[in-house]
């Protein structure tokens, strides 16, 4: 794969409960595989924790759409 880039959309879900948060972010990954262009839709899911230095990712997952 070459020339890859990920374009994030606005979050579809954003929930905050005190020092914890959950966010779902649709995205599209563009690039070339074997010289042929591709565009794959996906979803990032993040759990975050608020620290003294700001929000930090505690865990994340990715799934293709």
PDB file of N, CA and C in Angstrom:
ATOM      1  N   UNK A   1       0.837  -1.163   0.000  1.00  0.00           N
ATOM      2  CA  UNK A   1       0.000   0.000   0.000  1.00  0.00           C
ATOM      3  C   UNK A   1       0.887   1.232   0.000  1.00  0.00           C
ATOM      4  N   UNK A   2       0.460   2.219  -0.765  1.00  0.00           N
ATOM      5  CA  UNK A   2       1.176   3.487  -0.825  1.00  0.00           C
ATOM      6  C   UNK A   2       0.167   4.629  -0.824  1.00  0.00           C
ATOM      7  N   UNK A   3       0.682   5.820  -0.609  1.00  0.00           N
ATOM      8  CA  UNK A   3      -0.122   7.050  -0.677  1.00  0.00           C
ATOM      9  C   UNK A   3      -1.359   6.999   0.212  1.00  0.00           C
ATOM     10  N   UNK A   4      -1.264   6.369   1.368  1.00  0.00           N
ATOM     11  CA  UNK A   4      -2.445   6.243   2.226  1.00  0.00           C
ATOM     12  C   UNK A   4      -2.685   7.520   3.026  1.00  0.00           C
ATOM     13  N   UNK A   5      -3.947   7.808   3.237  1.00  0.00           N
ATOM     14  CA  UNK A   5      -4.366   8.907   4.095  1.00  0.00           C
ATOM     15  C   UNK A   5      -5.751   8.596   4.632  1.00  0.00           C
ATOM     16  N   UNK A   6      -6.020   9.058   5.824  1.00  0.00           N
ATOM     17  CA  UNK A   6      -7.311   8.823   6.477  1.00  0.00           C
ATOM     18  C   UNK A   6      -8.013  10.165   6.645  1.00  0.00           C
ATOM     19  N   UNK A   7      -9.262  10.228   6.204  1.00  0.00           N
ATOM     20  CA  UNK A   7     -10.070  11.431   6.345  1.00  0.00           C
ATOM     21  C   UNK A   7     -11.164  11.133   7.370  1.00  0.00           C
ATOM     22  N   UNK A   8     -11.157  11.890   8.462  1.00  0.00           N
ATOM     23  CA  UNK A   8     -12.134  11.697   9.531  1.00  0.00           C
ATOM     24  C   UNK A   8     -13.365  12.567   9.292  1.00  0.00           C
ATOM     25  N   UNK A   9     -14.531  12.018   9.587  1.00  0.00           N
ATOM     26  CA  UNK A   9     -15.784  12.777   9.561  1.00  0.00           C
ATOM     27  C   UNK A   9     -16.099  13.238  10.969  1.00  0.00           C
ATOM     28  N   UNK A  10     -17.156  14.033  11.097  1.00  0.00           N
ATOM     29  CA  UNK A  10     -17.596  14.460  12.426  1.00  0.00           C
ATOM     30  C   UNK A  10     -18.061  13.236  13.215  1.00  0.00           C
ATOM     31  N   UNK A  11     -17.830  13.233  14.521  1.00  0.00           N
ATOM     32  CA  UNK A  11     -18.281  12.103  15.342  1.00  0.00           C
ATOM     33  C   UNK A  11     -19.793  11.912  15.245  1.00  0.00           C
ATOM     34  N   UNK A  12     -20.220  10.657  15.171  1.00  0.00           N
ATOM     35  CA  UNK A  12     -21.654  10.355  15.158  1.00  0.00           C
ATOM     36  C   UNK A  12     -22.178  10.105  16.560  1.00  0.00           C
ATOM     37  N   UNK A  13     -21.284   9.770  17.466  1.00  0.00           N
ATOM     38  CA  UNK A  13     -21.639   9.561  18.872  1.00  0.00           C
ATOM     39  C   UNK A  13     -20.551  10.192  19.723  1.00  0.00           C
ATOM     40  N   UNK A  14     -20.966  10.952  20.728  1.00  0.00           N
ATOM     41  CA  UNK A  14     -20.017  11.571  21.644  1.00  0.00           C
ATOM     42  C   UNK A  14     -20.689  11.645  23.008  1.00  0.00           C
ATOM     43  N   UNK A  15     -20.267  10.771  23.908  1.00  0.00           N
ATOM     44  CA  UNK A  15     -20.862  10.722  25.240  1.00  0.00           C
ATOM     45  C   UNK A  15     -19.771  10.974  26.277  1.00  0.00           C
ATOM     46  N   UNK A  16     -20.059  11.867  27.222  1.00  0.00           N
ATOM     47  CA  UNK A  16     -19.117  12.166  28.296  1.00  0.00           C
ATOM     48  C   UNK A  16     -19.824  11.931  29.620  1.00  0.00           C
ATOM     49  N   UNK A  17     -19.140  11.207  30.500  1.00  0.00           N
ATOM     50  CA  UNK A  17     -19.658  10.945  31.838  1.00  0.00           C
ATOM     51  C   UNK A  17     -18.521  11.191  32.827  1.00  0.00           C
ATOM     52  N   UNK A  18     -18.456  12.407  33.333  1.00  0.00           N
ATOM     53  CA  UNK A  18     -17.389  12.742  34.268  1.00  0.00           C
ATOM     54  C   UNK A  18     -16.039  12.741  33.593  1.00  0.00           C
ATOM     55  N   UNK A  19     -15.154  11.851  34.048  1.00  0.00           N
ATOM     56  CA  UNK A  19     -13.801  11.804  33.498  1.00  0.00           C
ATOM     57  C   UNK A  19     -13.634  10.770  32.379  1.00  0.00           C
ATOM     58  N   UNK A  20     -14.742  10.192  31.918  1.00  0.00           N
ATOM     59  CA  UNK A  20     -14.685   9.198  30.853  1.00  0.00           C
ATOM     60  C   UNK A  20     -15.516   9.653  29.663  1.00  0.00           C
ATOM     61  N   UNK A  21     -15.102   9.239  28.474  1.00  0.00           N
ATOM     62  CA  UNK A  21     -15.845   9.596  27.263  1.00  0.00           C
ATOM     63  C   UNK A  21     -15.786   8.439  26.272  1.00  0.00           C
ATOM     64  N   UNK A  22     -16.764   8.442  25.369  1.00  0.00           N
ATOM     65  CA  UNK A  22     -16.887   7.428  24.314  1.00  0.00           C
ATOM     66  C   UNK A  22     -17.214   8.179  23.040  1.00  0.00           C
ATOM     67  N   UNK A  23     -16.498   7.886  21.958  1.00  0.00           N
ATOM     68  CA  UNK A  23     -16.709   8.600  20.708  1.00  0.00           C
ATOM     69  C   UNK A  23     -16.609   7.643  19.528  1.00  0.00           C
ATOM     70  N   UNK A  24     -17.517   7.829  18.560  1.00  0.00           N
ATOM     71  CA  UNK A  24     -17.524   7.032  17.329  1.00  0.00           C
ATOM     72  C   UNK A  24     -17.275   7.979  16.168  1.00  0.00           C
ATOM     73  N   UNK A  25     -16.247   7.692  15.360  1.00  0.00           N
ATOM     74  CA  UNK A  25     -15.827   8.594  14.291  1.00  0.00           C
ATOM     75  C   UNK A  25     -15.763   7.852  12.951  1.00  0.00           C
ATOM     76  N   UNK A  26     -16.689   8.138  12.025  1.00  0.00           N
ATOM     77  CA  UNK A  26     -16.604   7.551  10.690  1.00  0.00           C
ATOM     78  C   UNK A  26     -15.368   8.095   9.965  1.00  0.00           C
ATOM     79  N   UNK A  27     -14.846   7.300   9.049  1.00  0.00           N
ATOM     80  CA  UNK A  27     -13.666   7.731   8.299  1.00  0.00           C
ATOM     81  C   UNK A  27     -13.589   7.018   6.964  1.00  0.00           C
ATOM     82  N   UNK A  28     -12.751   7.554   6.106  1.00  0.00           N
ATOM     83  CA  UNK A  28     -12.452   6.904   4.827  1.00  0.00           C
ATOM     84  C   UNK A  28     -10.940   6.876   4.682  1.00  0.00           C
ATOM     85  N   UNK A  29     -10.398   5.702   4.370  1.00  0.00           N
ATOM     86  CA  UNK A  29      -8.972   5.549   4.099  1.00  0.00           C
ATOM     87  C   UNK A  29      -8.782   5.472   2.593  1.00  0.00           C
ATOM     88  N   UNK A  30      -7.932   6.349   2.077  1.00  0.00           N
ATOM     89  CA  UNK A  30      -7.618   6.382   0.650  1.00  0.00           C
ATOM     90  C   UNK A  30      -6.177   5.935   0.456  1.00  0.00           C
ATOM     91  N   UNK A  31      -5.890   5.372  -0.698  1.00  0.00           N
ATOM     92  CA  UNK A  31      -4.527   4.984  -1.008  1.00  0.00           C
ATOM     93  C   UNK A  31      -4.469   4.183  -2.295  1.00  0.00           C
ATOM     94  N   UNK A  32      -3.342   3.497  -2.470  1.00  0.00           N
ATOM     95  CA  UNK A  32      -3.149   2.617  -3.626  1.00  0.00           C
ATOM     96  C   UNK A  32      -2.688   1.258  -3.122  1.00  0.00           C
ATOM     97  N   UNK A  33      -3.262   0.214  -3.678  1.00  0.00           N
ATOM     98  CA  UNK A  33      -2.854  -1.160  -3.394  1.00  0.00           C
ATOM     99  C   UNK A  33      -2.494  -1.791  -4.735  1.00  0.00           C
ATOM    100  N   UNK A  34      -1.277  -2.266  -4.840  1.00  0.00           N
ATOM    101  CA  UNK A  34      -0.777  -2.804  -6.114  1.00  0.00           C
ATOM    102  C   UNK A  34      -0.948  -1.789  -7.238  1.00  0.00           C
ATOM    103  N   UNK A  35      -0.757  -0.507  -6.910  1.00  0.00           N
ATOM    104  CA  UNK A  35      -0.840   0.559  -7.905  1.00  0.00           C
ATOM    105  C   UNK A  35      -2.248   1.010  -8.247  1.00  0.00           C
ATOM    106  N   UNK A  36      -3.263   0.356  -7.694  1.00  0.00           N
ATOM    107  CA  UNK A  36      -4.658   0.712  -7.989  1.00  0.00           C
ATOM    108  C   UNK A  36      -5.250   1.497  -6.824  1.00  0.00           C
ATOM    109  N   UNK A  37      -5.942   2.605  -7.117  1.00  0.00           N
ATOM    110  CA  UNK A  37      -6.526   3.406  -6.036  1.00  0.00           C
ATOM    111  C   UNK A  37      -7.664   2.677  -5.325  1.00  0.00           C
ATOM    112  N   UNK A  38      -7.805   2.966  -4.038  1.00  0.00           N
ATOM    113  CA  UNK A  38      -8.916   2.406  -3.269  1.00  0.00           C
ATOM    114  C   UNK A  38      -9.423   3.449  -2.288  1.00  0.00           C
ATOM    115  N   UNK A  39     -10.643   3.248  -1.820  1.00  0.00           N
ATOM    116  CA  UNK A  39     -11.251   4.063  -0.763  1.00  0.00           C
ATOM    117  C   UNK A  39     -12.072   3.110   0.096  1.00  0.00           C
ATOM    118  N   UNK A  40     -11.684   2.959   1.351  1.00  0.00           N
ATOM    119  CA  UNK A  40     -12.367   2.056   2.276  1.00  0.00           C
ATOM    120  C   UNK A  40     -13.012   2.847   3.402  1.00  0.00           C
ATOM    121  N   UNK A  41     -14.317   2.644   3.594  1.00  0.00           N
ATOM    122  CA  UNK A  41     -15.031   3.299   4.695  1.00  0.00           C
ATOM    123  C   UNK A  41     -14.843   2.488   5.970  1.00  0.00           C
ATOM    124  N   UNK A  42     -14.768   3.203   7.091  1.00  0.00           N
ATOM    125  CA  UNK A  42     -14.614   2.527   8.365  1.00  0.00           C
ATOM    126  C   UNK A  42     -15.138   3.367   9.514  1.00  0.00           C
ATOM    127  N   UNK A  43     -15.012   2.810  10.701  1.00  0.00           N
ATOM    128  CA  UNK A  43     -15.441   3.466  11.932  1.00  0.00           C
ATOM    129  C   UNK A  43     -14.329   3.300  12.968  1.00  0.00           C
ATOM    130  N   UNK A  44     -13.907   4.406  13.574  1.00  0.00           N
ATOM    131  CA  UNK A  44     -13.047   4.354  14.751  1.00  0.00           C
ATOM    132  C   UNK A  44     -13.946   4.522  15.967  1.00  0.00           C
ATOM    133  N   UNK A  45     -13.694   3.739  17.003  1.00  0.00           N
ATOM    134  CA  UNK A  45     -14.388   3.884  18.275  1.00  0.00           C
ATOM    135  C   UNK A  45     -13.326   4.111  19.345  1.00  0.00           C
ATOM    136  N   UNK A  46     -13.489   5.192  20.089  1.00  0.00           N
ATOM    137  CA  UNK A  46     -12.523   5.558  21.117  1.00  0.00           C
ATOM    138  C   UNK A  46     -13.171   5.597  22.493  1.00  0.00           C
ATOM    139  N   UNK A  47     -12.437   5.143  23.509  1.00  0.00           N
ATOM    140  CA  UNK A  47     -12.782   5.466  24.892  1.00  0.00           C
ATOM    141  C   UNK A  47     -11.658   6.370  25.381  1.00  0.00           C
ATOM    142  N   UNK A  48     -12.045   7.397  26.106  1.00  0.00           N
ATOM    143  CA  UNK A  48     -11.074   8.386  26.572  1.00  0.00           C
ATOM    144  C   UNK A  48     -11.191   8.579  28.075  1.00  0.00           C
ATOM    145  N   UNK A  49     -10.112   9.067  28.659  1.00  0.00           N
ATOM    146  CA  UNK A  49     -10.105   9.402  30.078  1.00  0.00           C
ATOM    147  C   UNK A  49      -9.515  10.803  30.216  1.00  0.00           C
ATOM    148  N   UNK A  50     -10.126  11.596  31.074  1.00  0.00           N
ATOM    149  CA  UNK A  50      -9.661  12.963  31.295  1.00  0.00           C
ATOM    150  C   UNK A  50      -8.558  12.942  32.350  1.00  0.00           C
ATOM    151  N   UNK A  51      -7.417  13.517  32.013  1.00  0.00           N
ATOM    152  CA  UNK A  51      -6.281  13.589  32.926  1.00  0.00           C
ATOM    153  C   UNK A  51      -5.968  15.061  33.206  1.00  0.00           C
ATOM    154  N   UNK A  52      -4.989  15.284  34.047  1.00  0.00           N
ATOM    155  CA  UNK A  52      -4.557  16.651  34.339  1.00  0.00           C
ATOM    156  C   UNK A  52      -4.032  17.352  33.086  1.00  0.00           C
ATOM    157  N   UNK A  53      -3.580  16.577  32.099  1.00  0.00           N
ATOM    158  CA  UNK A  53      -3.048  17.145  30.857  1.00  0.00           C
ATOM    159  C   UNK A  53      -4.080  17.168  29.737  1.00  0.00           C
ATOM    160  N   UNK A  54      -5.327  16.794  30.026  1.00  0.00           N
ATOM    161  CA  UNK A  54      -6.386  16.799  29.018  1.00  0.00           C
ATOM    162  C   UNK A  54      -6.867  15.388  28.716  1.00  0.00           C
ATOM    163  N   UNK A  55      -7.693  15.264  27.692  1.00  0.00           N
ATOM    164  CA  UNK A  55      -8.257  13.972  27.310  1.00  0.00           C
ATOM    165  C   UNK A  55      -7.193  13.102  26.657  1.00  0.00           C
ATOM    166  N   UNK A  56      -7.178  11.836  27.041  1.00  0.00           N
ATOM    167  CA  UNK A  56      -6.239  10.857  26.477  1.00  0.00           C
ATOM    168  C   UNK A  56      -7.015   9.623  26.039  1.00  0.00           C
ATOM    169  N   UNK A  57      -6.563   8.999  24.960  1.00  0.00           N
ATOM    170  CA  UNK A  57      -7.197   7.777  24.475  1.00  0.00           C
ATOM    171  C   UNK A  57      -6.828   6.630  25.406  1.00  0.00           C
ATOM    172  N   UNK A  58      -7.853   5.973  25.952  1.00  0.00           N
ATOM    173  CA  UNK A  58      -7.634   4.806  26.814  1.00  0.00           C
ATOM    174  C   UNK A  58      -7.635   3.525  25.986  1.00  0.00           C
ATOM    175  N   UNK A  59      -8.502   3.477  24.960  1.00  0.00           N
ATOM    176  CA  UNK A  59      -8.550   2.333  24.052  1.00  0.00           C
ATOM    177  C   UNK A  59      -9.235   2.760  22.766  1.00  0.00           C
ATOM    178  N   UNK A  60      -8.998   2.006  21.710  1.00  0.00           N
ATOM    179  CA  UNK A  60      -9.651   2.303  20.442  1.00  0.00           C
ATOM    180  C   UNK A  60      -9.813   1.023  19.652  1.00  0.00           C
ATOM    181  N   UNK A  61     -10.749   1.075  18.696  1.00  0.00           N
ATOM    182  CA  UNK A  61     -10.984  -0.067  17.798  1.00  0.00           C
ATOM    183  C   UNK A  61     -11.341   0.486  16.429  1.00  0.00           C
ATOM    184  N   UNK A  62     -11.169  -0.340  15.414  1.00  0.00           N
ATOM    185  CA  UNK A  62     -11.507   0.023  14.042  1.00  0.00           C
ATOM    186  C   UNK A  62     -12.319  -1.103  13.424  1.00  0.00           C
ATOM    187  N   UNK A  63     -13.308  -0.733  12.643  1.00  0.00           N
ATOM    188  CA  UNK A  63     -14.085  -1.720  11.888  1.00  0.00           C
ATOM    189  C   UNK A  63     -14.374  -1.172  10.510  1.00  0.00           C
ATOM    190  N   UNK A  64     -14.316  -2.036   9.507  1.00  0.00           N
ATOM    191  CA  UNK A  64     -14.691  -1.632   8.152  1.00  0.00           C
ATOM    192  C   UNK A  64     -16.204  -1.568   8.052  1.00  0.00           C
ATOM    193  N   UNK A  65     -16.678  -0.679   7.193  1.00  0.00           N
ATOM    194  CA  UNK A  65     -18.126  -0.587   6.954  1.00  0.00           C
ATOM    195  C   UNK A  65     -18.492  -1.326   5.708  1.00  0.00           C
TER     196      UNK A  65
END
